[in-house]
Amino acid sequence: MISFQDRVAIVTGAGAGLGRCHALGLAARGARVVVNDLGQGAGAVVAEIEAAGGQAMTHNADVSDGAAVADMVAQTMARWGRIDVLINNAGILRDKTFAKMDMADFRKVIDVHLMGSAECCHAVWPIMRAQGYGRIVLTASGSGLYGNFGQANYGAAKAAMVGLMNVLHLEGARDDIRVNTLAPTAATAMTEGLLPEAALALLAPETITPGVLFLASDDAPSRTILSAGGGTFAVTQIRETIGTLIEGEITPESVAANWSAITDAEGAEALENAFAQTRKYALRAAKAKGVALDW
């Protein structure tokens, strides 16, 4: 059984919706939980946890404010002495087509989703390294993975979660800090009015939280994009085709002529890091040119 007994977790944007479910789910399995939210719902979530016999505290840090996040982490350490789990869930929407979007709204969404997640990760990182243990969950979206009309700011911020995860996974591996990304579809205040009522009834936040608890558990994977909604769970993967080496003159026309081979998905592979891609290209070029490359 997955347990969070003696673990301390921070859940951002936990006053309602998905964050509330994540906080309640962690507390129900023994975690002491920091319920972070700018709104009024955080106190009610803490009361709910305490009424069930759990331990929790509120903090209203704006996650994009580094000083406020540092205070939240300091208060958590003063009370419980460790931080084991960080669930980055806080978010906002400022939807408009890109042509009509005010760039201030673009920056605001980036600040909350991307910079907010980065600020929180950065604040807990030295603590998790010193402990030799940490579990971080970032929250992406199908809008970032696949696109969604009218959400250029939100999609860009959510796609950035994957890049942040990839790097933190590599940098945290030595200290058993595992970093994963959730891509949920749920009926929340952020999706109200965007989905049909019948669909909203099926996409309750409670159907997603079990996946988050797994991603935050002792036996969690790392660098995994878990997509979830309505009780269905899937893994989104980034893979690169084998590709083709263009010999002779490399021109736009030769790229066009080889397009079917370049895009052939057979044998596509996941690459461990950016240098794995660089090595792949360099070795193929070296072989074609008869150059000895000890790499």
C-alpha atoms as a PDB file:
ATOM      1  CA  MET A   1       0.000   0.000   0.000  1.00  0.00           C
ATOM      2  CA  ILE A   2       1.291   3.441  -0.918  1.00  0.00           C
ATOM      3  CA  SER A   3       1.772   5.471   2.242  1.00  0.00           C
ATOM      4  CA  PHE A   4       2.953   8.993   2.992  1.00  0.00           C
ATOM      5  CA  GLN A   5       3.325   8.452   6.722  1.00  0.00           C
ATOM      6  CA  ASP A   6       5.968  10.834   8.119  1.00  0.00           C
ATOM      7  CA  ARG A   7       6.197  12.630   4.764  1.00  0.00           C
ATOM      8  CA  VAL A   8       5.658  16.371   4.348  1.00  0.00           C
ATOM      9  CA  ALA A   9       4.040  17.654   1.171  1.00  0.00           C
ATOM     10  CA  ILE A  10       3.410  21.089  -0.336  1.00  0.00           C
ATOM     11  CA  VAL A  11       0.504  21.366  -2.768  1.00  0.00           C
ATOM     12  CA  THR A  12       0.117  24.665  -4.607  1.00  0.00           C
ATOM     13  CA  GLY A  13      -3.250  25.915  -5.777  1.00  0.00           C
ATOM     14  CA  ALA A  14      -4.821  23.531  -3.268  1.00  0.00           C
ATOM     15  CA  GLY A  15      -7.834  25.579  -2.186  1.00  0.00           C
ATOM     16  CA  ALA A  16     -10.151  23.952  -4.732  1.00  0.00           C
ATOM     17  CA  GLY A  17     -10.337  21.592  -7.681  1.00  0.00           C
ATOM     18  CA  LEU A  18      -7.422  19.306  -8.447  1.00  0.00           C
ATOM     19  CA  GLY A  19      -5.160  20.800  -5.792  1.00  0.00           C
ATOM     20  CA  ARG A  20      -7.730  20.230  -3.071  1.00  0.00           C
ATOM     21  CA  CYS A  21      -8.113  16.590  -4.131  1.00  0.00           C
ATOM     22  CA  HIS A  22      -4.330  16.121  -4.171  1.00  0.00           C
ATOM     23  CA  ALA A  23      -3.991  17.625  -0.680  1.00  0.00           C
ATOM     24  CA  LEU A  24      -6.803  15.501   0.743  1.00  0.00           C
ATOM     25  CA  GLY A  25      -5.425  12.382  -0.931  1.00  0.00           C
ATOM     26  CA  LEU A  26      -1.946  12.899   0.500  1.00  0.00           C
ATOM     27  CA  ALA A  27      -3.310  13.638   3.976  1.00  0.00           C
ATOM     28  CA  ALA A  28      -5.556  10.578   3.924  1.00  0.00           C
ATOM     29  CA  ARG A  29      -2.433   8.438   3.489  1.00  0.00           C
ATOM     30  CA  GLY A  30      -0.521  10.068   6.310  1.00  0.00           C
ATOM     31  CA  ALA A  31       1.226  13.110   4.853  1.00  0.00           C
ATOM     32  CA  ARG A  32       1.451  16.416   6.671  1.00  0.00           C
ATOM     33  CA  VAL A  33       0.295  18.896   4.057  1.00  0.00           C
ATOM     34  CA  VAL A  34       0.911  22.562   3.285  1.00  0.00           C
ATOM     35  CA  VAL A  35      -2.217  23.811   1.522  1.00  0.00           C
ATOM     36  CA  ASN A  36      -1.117  26.726  -0.628  1.00  0.00           C
ATOM     37  CA  ASP A  37      -3.631  28.990  -2.325  1.00  0.00           C
ATOM     38  CA  LEU A  38      -4.210  32.691  -2.940  1.00  0.00           C
ATOM     39  CA  GLY A  39      -7.961  32.270  -2.494  1.00  0.00           C
ATOM     40  CA  GLN A  40     -10.136  31.634   0.541  1.00  0.00           C
ATOM     41  CA  GLY A  41     -10.445  27.878   0.111  1.00  0.00           C
ATOM     42  CA  ALA A  42      -7.170  26.838   1.752  1.00  0.00           C
ATOM     43  CA  GLY A  43      -8.508  27.178   5.298  1.00  0.00           C
ATOM     44  CA  ALA A  44     -11.475  24.959   4.535  1.00  0.00           C
ATOM     45  CA  VAL A  45      -9.183  22.273   3.093  1.00  0.00           C
ATOM     46  CA  VAL A  46      -6.986  22.375   6.206  1.00  0.00           C
ATOM     47  CA  ALA A  47     -10.093  22.099   8.409  1.00  0.00           C
ATOM     48  CA  GLU A  48     -11.209  19.107   6.360  1.00  0.00           C
ATOM     49  CA  ILE A  49      -7.840  17.406   6.807  1.00  0.00           C
ATOM     50  CA  GLU A  50      -7.728  18.116  10.525  1.00  0.00           C
ATOM     51  CA  ALA A  51     -11.288  16.900  11.023  1.00  0.00           C
ATOM     52  CA  ALA A  52     -10.182  13.569   9.549  1.00  0.00           C
ATOM     53  CA  GLY A  53      -7.289  13.375  12.023  1.00  0.00           C
ATOM     54  CA  GLY A  54      -4.547  14.699   9.736  1.00  0.00           C
ATOM     55  CA  GLN A  55      -2.082  17.565  10.022  1.00  0.00           C
ATOM     56  CA  ALA A  56      -2.054  20.560   7.695  1.00  0.00           C
ATOM     57  CA  MET A  57      -1.241  24.243   7.488  1.00  0.00           C
ATOM     58  CA  THR A  58      -2.137  27.031   5.091  1.00  0.00           C
ATOM     59  CA  HIS A  59       0.101  29.426   3.214  1.00  0.00           C
ATOM     60  CA  ASN A  60      -1.138  32.015   0.740  1.00  0.00           C
ATOM     61  CA  ALA A  61       2.103  32.545  -1.196  1.00  0.00           C
ATOM     62  CA  ASP A  62       1.812  33.753  -4.769  1.00  0.00           C
ATOM     63  CA  VAL A  63       3.964  31.056  -6.356  1.00  0.00           C
ATOM     64  CA  SER A  64       5.460  33.518  -8.838  1.00  0.00           C
ATOM     65  CA  ASP A  65       6.798  35.603  -5.904  1.00  0.00           C
ATOM     66  CA  GLY A  66      10.144  34.143  -4.879  1.00  0.00           C
ATOM     67  CA  ALA A  67      10.159  35.798  -1.455  1.00  0.00           C
ATOM     68  CA  ALA A  68       6.685  34.499  -0.645  1.00  0.00           C
ATOM     69  CA  VAL A  69       7.640  30.985  -1.742  1.00  0.00           C
ATOM     70  CA  ALA A  70      10.802  31.139   0.377  1.00  0.00           C
ATOM     71  CA  ASP A  71       8.648  32.109   3.375  1.00  0.00           C
ATOM     72  CA  MET A  72       6.311  29.179   2.728  1.00  0.00           C
ATOM     73  CA  VAL A  73       9.249  26.769   2.635  1.00  0.00           C
ATOM     74  CA  ALA A  74      10.806  28.322   5.758  1.00  0.00           C
ATOM     75  CA  GLN A  75       7.540  28.022   7.690  1.00  0.00           C
ATOM     76  CA  THR A  76       7.159  24.416   6.581  1.00  0.00           C
ATOM     77  CA  MET A  77      10.678  23.573   7.743  1.00  0.00           C
ATOM     78  CA  ALA A  78      10.155  25.381  11.054  1.00  0.00           C
ATOM     79  CA  ARG A  79       7.030  23.357  11.750  1.00  0.00           C
ATOM     80  CA  TRP A  80       7.902  19.914  10.380  1.00  0.00           C
ATOM     81  CA  GLY A  81      11.624  19.929   9.590  1.00  0.00           C
ATOM     82  CA  ARG A  82      11.513  18.399   6.115  1.00  0.00           C
ATOM     83  CA  ILE A  83       9.815  18.587   2.700  1.00  0.00           C
ATOM     84  CA  ASP A  84       9.411  15.339   0.794  1.00  0.00           C
ATOM     85  CA  VAL A  85       6.797  16.083  -1.853  1.00  0.00           C
ATOM     86  CA  LEU A  86       6.036  19.137  -3.981  1.00  0.00           C
ATOM     87  CA  ILE A  87       2.933  19.142  -6.165  1.00  0.00           C
ATOM     88  CA  ASN A  88       3.014  22.165  -8.499  1.00  0.00           C
ATOM     89  CA  ASN A  89      -0.653  22.659  -9.302  1.00  0.00           C
ATOM     90  CA  ALA A  90      -1.321  26.420  -9.098  1.00  0.00           C
ATOM     91  CA  GLY A  91      -2.513  27.973 -12.316  1.00  0.00           C
ATOM     92  CA  ILE A  92      -4.627  30.587 -14.065  1.00  0.00           C
ATOM     93  CA  LEU A  93      -6.150  31.128 -17.495  1.00  0.00           C
ATOM     94  CA  ARG A  94      -6.160  34.262 -19.648  1.00  0.00           C
ATOM     95  CA  ASP A  95      -7.603  32.839 -22.863  1.00  0.00           C
ATOM     96  CA  LYS A  96      -7.706  34.805 -26.119  1.00  0.00           C
ATOM     97  CA  THR A  97      -6.557  34.244 -29.669  1.00  0.00           C
ATOM     98  CA  PHE A  98      -2.933  35.238 -30.085  1.00  0.00           C
ATOM     99  CA  ALA A  99      -3.823  38.120 -32.408  1.00  0.00           C
ATOM    100  CA  LYS A 100      -6.002  39.670 -29.691  1.00  0.00           C
ATOM    101  CA  MET A 101      -3.957  38.703 -26.668  1.00  0.00           C
ATOM    102  CA  ASP A 102      -2.432  41.404 -24.492  1.00  0.00           C
ATOM    103  CA  MET A 103       1.206  40.442 -23.883  1.00  0.00           C
ATOM    104  CA  ALA A 104       0.747  41.333 -20.217  1.00  0.00           C
ATOM    105  CA  ASP A 105      -1.688  38.413 -20.032  1.00  0.00           C
ATOM    106  CA  PHE A 106       0.832  36.216 -21.816  1.00  0.00           C
ATOM    107  CA  ARG A 107       3.513  37.096 -19.243  1.00  0.00           C
ATOM    108  CA  LYS A 108       1.133  36.628 -16.311  1.00  0.00           C
ATOM    109  CA  VAL A 109       0.278  33.071 -17.326  1.00  0.00           C
ATOM    110  CA  ILE A 110       3.962  32.264 -17.880  1.00  0.00           C
ATOM    111  CA  ASP A 111       4.785  33.786 -14.477  1.00  0.00           C
ATOM    112  CA  VAL A 112       2.251  31.678 -12.590  1.00  0.00           C
ATOM    113  CA  HIS A 113       2.662  28.358 -14.379  1.00  0.00           C
ATOM    114  CA  LEU A 114       6.323  28.304 -15.385  1.00  0.00           C
ATOM    115  CA  MET A 115       8.031  30.710 -13.012  1.00  0.00           C
ATOM    116  CA  GLY A 116       5.742  29.642 -10.162  1.00  0.00           C
ATOM    117  CA  SER A 117       6.740  26.012 -10.640  1.00  0.00           C
ATOM    118  CA  ALA A 118      10.403  26.963 -10.999  1.00  0.00           C
ATOM    119  CA  GLU A 119      10.337  29.133  -7.859  1.00  0.00           C
ATOM    120  CA  CYS A 120       8.804  26.333  -5.795  1.00  0.00           C
ATOM    121  CA  CYS A 121      11.180  23.690  -7.162  1.00  0.00           C
ATOM    122  CA  HIS A 122      14.178  25.941  -6.578  1.00  0.00           C
ATOM    123  CA  ALA A 123      13.130  26.638  -2.981  1.00  0.00           C
ATOM    124  CA  VAL A 124      12.755  22.962  -2.011  1.00  0.00           C
ATOM    125  CA  TRP A 125      15.663  21.663  -4.106  1.00  0.00           C
ATOM    126  CA  PRO A 126      18.484  22.098  -1.541  1.00  0.00           C
ATOM    127  CA  ILE A 127      16.283  20.540   1.150  1.00  0.00           C
ATOM    128  CA  MET A 128      15.538  17.497  -0.969  1.00  0.00           C
ATOM    129  CA  ARG A 129      19.199  17.147  -1.927  1.00  0.00           C
ATOM    130  CA  ALA A 130      20.292  17.251   1.713  1.00  0.00           C
ATOM    131  CA  GLN A 131      17.661  14.620   2.597  1.00  0.00           C
ATOM    132  CA  GLY A 132      18.623  12.394  -0.304  1.00  0.00           C
ATOM    133  CA  TYR A 133      14.943  12.178  -1.158  1.00  0.00           C
ATOM    134  CA  GLY A 134      12.336  14.188  -3.027  1.00  0.00           C
ATOM    135  CA  ARG A 135       9.293  13.781  -5.218  1.00  0.00           C
ATOM    136  CA  ILE A 136       8.187  16.620  -7.502  1.00  0.00           C
ATOM    137  CA  VAL A 137       5.128  16.657  -9.732  1.00  0.00           C
ATOM    138  CA  LEU A 138       4.706  19.387 -12.343  1.00  0.00           C
ATOM    139  CA  THR A 139       1.356  20.006 -14.003  1.00  0.00           C
ATOM    140  CA  ALA A 140       1.198  20.266 -17.782  1.00  0.00           C
ATOM    141  CA  SER A 141      -1.841  20.066 -20.052  1.00  0.00           C
ATOM    142  CA  GLY A 142      -2.975  18.743 -23.394  1.00  0.00           C
ATOM    143  CA  SER A 143      -2.921  22.392 -24.456  1.00  0.00           C
ATOM    144  CA  GLY A 144       0.857  22.351 -24.099  1.00  0.00           C
ATOM    145  CA  LEU A 145       1.401  18.856 -25.457  1.00  0.00           C
ATOM    146  CA  TYR A 146      -0.970  19.093 -28.414  1.00  0.00           C
ATOM    147  CA  GLY A 147      -2.203  22.690 -28.669  1.00  0.00           C
ATOM    148  CA  ASN A 148      -5.566  24.340 -28.062  1.00  0.00           C
ATOM    149  CA  PHE A 149      -7.136  27.279 -29.864  1.00  0.00           C
ATOM    150  CA  GLY A 150      -6.956  30.523 -27.888  1.00  0.00           C
ATOM    151  CA  GLN A 151      -4.377  29.305 -25.372  1.00  0.00           C
ATOM    152  CA  ALA A 152      -0.982  30.371 -26.721  1.00  0.00           C
ATOM    153  CA  ASN A 153       0.120  31.624 -23.296  1.00  0.00           C
ATOM    154  CA  TYR A 154      -1.207  28.623 -21.375  1.00  0.00           C
ATOM    155  CA  GLY A 155       0.044  26.139 -23.968  1.00  0.00           C
ATOM    156  CA  ALA A 156       3.532  27.643 -23.954  1.00  0.00           C
ATOM    157  CA  ALA A 157       3.679  27.558 -20.154  1.00  0.00           C
ATOM    158  CA  LYS A 158       2.428  23.979 -19.972  1.00  0.00           C
ATOM    159  CA  ALA A 159       4.813  22.723 -22.656  1.00  0.00           C
ATOM    160  CA  ALA A 160       7.628  24.263 -20.608  1.00  0.00           C
ATOM    161  CA  MET A 161       6.816  21.848 -17.767  1.00  0.00           C
ATOM    162  CA  VAL A 162       8.198  19.002 -19.869  1.00  0.00           C
ATOM    163  CA  GLY A 163      11.499  20.772 -20.452  1.00  0.00           C
ATOM    164  CA  LEU A 164      11.809  21.639 -16.764  1.00  0.00           C
ATOM    165  CA  MET A 165      11.056  18.036 -15.812  1.00  0.00           C
ATOM    166  CA  ASN A 166      13.640  16.623 -18.214  1.00  0.00           C
ATOM    167  CA  VAL A 167      16.460  18.690 -16.747  1.00  0.00           C
ATOM    168  CA  LEU A 168      15.466  18.342 -13.082  1.00  0.00           C
ATOM    169  CA  HIS A 169      15.195  14.571 -13.571  1.00  0.00           C
ATOM    170  CA  LEU A 170      18.824  14.463 -14.685  1.00  0.00           C
ATOM    171  CA  GLU A 171      20.083  16.817 -11.981  1.00  0.00           C
ATOM    172  CA  GLY A 172      18.109  15.161  -9.185  1.00  0.00           C
ATOM    173  CA  ALA A 173      18.803  11.500  -9.949  1.00  0.00           C
ATOM    174  CA  ARG A 174      21.909  11.254  -7.736  1.00  0.00           C
ATOM    175  CA  ASP A 175      19.926  12.400  -4.697  1.00  0.00           C
ATOM    176  CA  ASP A 176      16.799  10.318  -5.404  1.00  0.00           C
ATOM    177  CA  ILE A 177      14.773  13.347  -6.419  1.00  0.00           C
ATOM    178  CA  ARG A 178      12.238  12.047  -8.908  1.00  0.00           C
ATOM    179  CA  VAL A 179      10.458  14.525 -11.134  1.00  0.00           C
ATOM    180  CA  ASN A 180       7.341  13.775 -13.145  1.00  0.00           C
ATOM    181  CA  THR A 181       4.640  15.666 -15.018  1.00  0.00           C
ATOM    182  CA  LEU A 182       0.880  15.285 -14.834  1.00  0.00           C
ATOM    183  CA  ALA A 183      -1.229  16.257 -17.858  1.00  0.00           C
ATOM    184  CA  PRO A 184      -4.795  16.222 -16.480  1.00  0.00           C
ATOM    185  CA  THR A 185      -8.207  16.800 -17.998  1.00  0.00           C
ATOM    186  CA  ALA A 186     -10.612  17.569 -15.193  1.00  0.00           C
ATOM    187  CA  ALA A 187     -13.759  19.477 -14.318  1.00  0.00           C
ATOM    188  CA  THR A 188     -12.446  22.439 -12.334  1.00  0.00           C
ATOM    189  CA  ALA A 189     -12.976  26.188 -12.128  1.00  0.00           C
ATOM    190  CA  MET A 190     -10.392  26.543 -14.914  1.00  0.00           C
ATOM    191  CA  THR A 191     -12.312  24.296 -17.319  1.00  0.00           C
ATOM    192  CA  GLU A 192     -15.837  25.434 -16.417  1.00  0.00           C
ATOM    193  CA  GLY A 193     -17.516  26.754 -19.534  1.00  0.00           C
ATOM    194  CA  LEU A 194     -14.907  25.140 -21.799  1.00  0.00           C
ATOM    195  CA  LEU A 195     -16.300  21.586 -21.735  1.00  0.00           C
ATOM    196  CA  PRO A 196     -19.821  20.171 -22.195  1.00  0.00           C
ATOM    197  CA  GLU A 197     -21.723  19.582 -18.958  1.00  0.00           C
ATOM    198  CA  ALA A 198     -21.961  15.848 -19.646  1.00  0.00           C
ATOM    199  CA  ALA A 199     -18.185  15.653 -20.032  1.00  0.00           C
ATOM    200  CA  LEU A 200     -17.575  17.669 -16.863  1.00  0.00           C
ATOM    201  CA  ALA A 201     -19.651  15.171 -14.905  1.00  0.00           C
ATOM    202  CA  LEU A 202     -17.313  12.380 -15.997  1.00  0.00           C
ATOM    203  CA  LEU A 203     -14.046  14.242 -15.455  1.00  0.00           C
ATOM    204  CA  ALA A 204     -14.076  14.686 -11.684  1.00  0.00           C
ATOM    205  CA  PRO A 205     -10.746  15.704 -10.092  1.00  0.00           C
ATOM    206  CA  GLU A 206     -11.010  12.664  -7.824  1.00  0.00           C
ATOM    207  CA  THR A 207     -10.371  10.433 -10.852  1.00  0.00           C
ATOM    208  CA  ILE A 208      -6.936  12.020 -11.359  1.00  0.00           C
ATOM    209  CA  THR A 209      -5.446  12.301  -7.856  1.00  0.00           C
ATOM    210  CA  PRO A 210      -4.583   8.570  -7.585  1.00  0.00           C
ATOM    211  CA  GLY A 211      -2.119   9.054 -10.442  1.00  0.00           C
ATOM    212  CA  VAL A 212      -0.534  12.000  -8.653  1.00  0.00           C
ATOM    213  CA  LEU A 213      -0.139   9.962  -5.473  1.00  0.00           C
ATOM    214  CA  PHE A 214       1.673   7.282  -7.457  1.00  0.00           C
ATOM    215  CA  LEU A 215       3.989   9.875  -9.051  1.00  0.00           C
ATOM    216  CA  ALA A 216       4.795  11.205  -5.555  1.00  0.00           C
ATOM    217  CA  SER A 217       5.322   7.800  -3.938  1.00  0.00           C
ATOM    218  CA  ASP A 218       8.515   6.034  -2.879  1.00  0.00           C
ATOM    219  CA  ASP A 219       8.373   3.769  -5.939  1.00  0.00           C
ATOM    220  CA  ALA A 220       7.555   6.534  -8.405  1.00  0.00           C
ATOM    221  CA  PRO A 221       9.110   6.603 -11.852  1.00  0.00           C
ATOM    222  CA  SER A 222      10.955   9.715 -12.989  1.00  0.00           C
ATOM    223  CA  ARG A 223      10.719  11.798 -16.170  1.00  0.00           C
ATOM    224  CA  THR A 224       7.258  10.463 -16.967  1.00  0.00           C
ATOM    225  CA  ILE A 225       4.384  12.444 -18.475  1.00  0.00           C
ATOM    226  CA  LEU A 226       1.227  10.899 -17.034  1.00  0.00           C
ATOM    227  CA  SER A 227      -1.928  11.964 -18.823  1.00  0.00           C
ATOM    228  CA  ALA A 228      -5.166  11.422 -16.920  1.00  0.00           C
ATOM    229  CA  GLY A 229      -8.887  12.053 -17.047  1.00  0.00           C
ATOM    230  CA  GLY A 230     -12.114  10.292 -16.115  1.00  0.00           C
ATOM    231  CA  GLY A 231     -10.292   7.261 -14.758  1.00  0.00           C
ATOM    232  CA  THR A 232      -8.120   6.728 -17.838  1.00  0.00           C
ATOM    233  CA  PHE A 233      -4.349   6.975 -17.437  1.00  0.00           C
ATOM    234  CA  ALA A 234      -1.843   7.081 -20.292  1.00  0.00           C
ATOM    235  CA  VAL A 235       1.800   7.968 -20.755  1.00  0.00           C
ATOM    236  CA  THR A 236       2.761  10.631 -23.282  1.00  0.00           C
ATOM    237  CA  GLN A 237       6.171   9.996 -24.813  1.00  0.00           C
ATOM    238  CA  ILE A 238       8.591  12.163 -26.770  1.00  0.00           C
ATOM    239  CA  ARG A 239      10.433  10.100 -29.335  1.00  0.00           C
ATOM    240  CA  GLU A 240      12.715  10.891 -32.269  1.00  0.00           C
ATOM    241  CA  THR A 241      12.622   9.115 -35.611  1.00  0.00           C
ATOM    242  CA  ILE A 242      15.743   7.319 -36.793  1.00  0.00           C
ATOM    243  CA  GLY A 243      15.920   9.920 -39.538  1.00  0.00           C
ATOM    244  CA  THR A 244      18.127   9.848 -42.579  1.00  0.00           C
ATOM    245  CA  LEU A 245      21.571  11.167 -43.380  1.00  0.00           C
ATOM    246  CA  ILE A 246      21.603  13.350 -46.476  1.00  0.00           C
ATOM    247  CA  GLU A 247      24.787  12.717 -48.389  1.00  0.00           C
ATOM    248  CA  GLY A 248      26.115  15.098 -50.963  1.00  0.00           C
ATOM    249  CA  GLU A 249      24.826  18.642 -51.064  1.00  0.00           C
ATOM    250  CA  ILE A 250      22.436  19.448 -48.231  1.00  0.00           C
ATOM    251  CA  THR A 251      19.735  21.745 -49.611  1.00  0.00           C
ATOM    252  CA  PRO A 252      16.096  22.478 -48.867  1.00  0.00           C
ATOM    253  CA  GLU A 253      15.284  20.378 -51.922  1.00  0.00           C
ATOM    254  CA  SER A 254      17.223  17.367 -50.601  1.00  0.00           C
ATOM    255  CA  VAL A 255      15.394  17.665 -47.281  1.00  0.00           C
ATOM    256  CA  ALA A 256      12.083  17.672 -49.197  1.00  0.00           C
ATOM    257  CA  ALA A 257      13.170  14.685 -51.303  1.00  0.00           C
ATOM    258  CA  ASN A 258      14.000  12.677 -48.154  1.00  0.00           C
ATOM    259  CA  TRP A 259      10.957  13.771 -46.154  1.00  0.00           C
ATOM    260  CA  SER A 260       9.286  10.349 -46.083  1.00  0.00           C
ATOM    261  CA  ALA A 261      12.435   8.746 -44.668  1.00  0.00           C
ATOM    262  CA  ILE A 262      12.975  11.605 -42.205  1.00  0.00           C
ATOM    263  CA  THR A 263       9.453  11.230 -40.833  1.00  0.00           C
ATOM    264  CA  ASP A 264       9.283   7.403 -40.833  1.00  0.00           C
ATOM    265  CA  ALA A 265       8.242   6.496 -37.279  1.00  0.00           C
ATOM    266  CA  GLU A 266       9.493   2.910 -37.397  1.00  0.00           C
ATOM    267  CA  GLY A 267      12.309   2.488 -34.900  1.00  0.00           C
ATOM    268  CA  ALA A 268      11.679   5.861 -33.230  1.00  0.00           C
ATOM    269  CA  GLU A 269      13.440   6.104 -29.879  1.00  0.00           C
ATOM    270  CA  ALA A 270      13.428   8.115 -26.692  1.00  0.00           C
ATOM    271  CA  LEU A 271      16.708   9.954 -26.109  1.00  0.00           C
ATOM    272  CA  GLU A 272      18.221  10.204 -22.633  1.00  0.00           C
ATOM    273  CA  ASN A 273      19.396  13.800 -22.969  1.00  0.00           C
ATOM    274  CA  ALA A 274      20.317  16.496 -25.492  1.00  0.00           C
ATOM    275  CA  PHE A 275      23.847  15.170 -25.902  1.00  0.00           C
ATOM    276  CA  ALA A 276      22.468  11.771 -26.894  1.00  0.00           C
ATOM    277  CA  GLN A 277      20.897  13.505 -29.871  1.00  0.00           C
ATOM    278  CA  THR A 278      24.119  15.379 -30.647  1.00  0.00           C
ATOM    279  CA  ARG A 279      26.108  12.138 -30.426  1.00  0.00           C
ATOM    280  CA  LYS A 280      23.662  10.361 -32.723  1.00  0.00           C
ATOM    281  CA  TYR A 281      24.065  12.986 -35.436  1.00  0.00           C
ATOM    282  CA  ALA A 282      27.825  13.329 -35.075  1.00  0.00           C
ATOM    283  CA  LEU A 283      28.461   9.573 -35.239  1.00  0.00           C
ATOM    284  CA  ARG A 284      26.322   9.162 -38.359  1.00  0.00           C
ATOM    285  CA  ALA A 285      28.069  12.043 -40.078  1.00  0.00           C
ATOM    286  CA  ALA A 286      31.476  10.668 -39.067  1.00  0.00           C
ATOM    287  CA  LYS A 287      30.659   7.200 -40.414  1.00  0.00           C
ATOM    288  CA  ALA A 288      29.476   8.605 -43.745  1.00  0.00           C
ATOM    289  CA  LYS A 289      32.647  10.657 -44.149  1.00  0.00           C
ATOM    290  CA  GLY A 290      35.010   7.958 -42.918  1.00  0.00           C
ATOM    291  CA  VAL A 291      36.085  10.038 -39.940  1.00  0.00           C
ATOM    292  CA  ALA A 292      37.223   8.268 -36.754  1.00  0.00           C
ATOM    293  CA  LEU A 293      35.208   9.670 -33.873  1.00  0.00           C
ATOM    294  CA  ASP A 294      35.931   8.302 -30.423  1.00  0.00           C
ATOM    295  CA  TRP A 295      32.646   9.169 -28.751  1.00  0.00           C
END
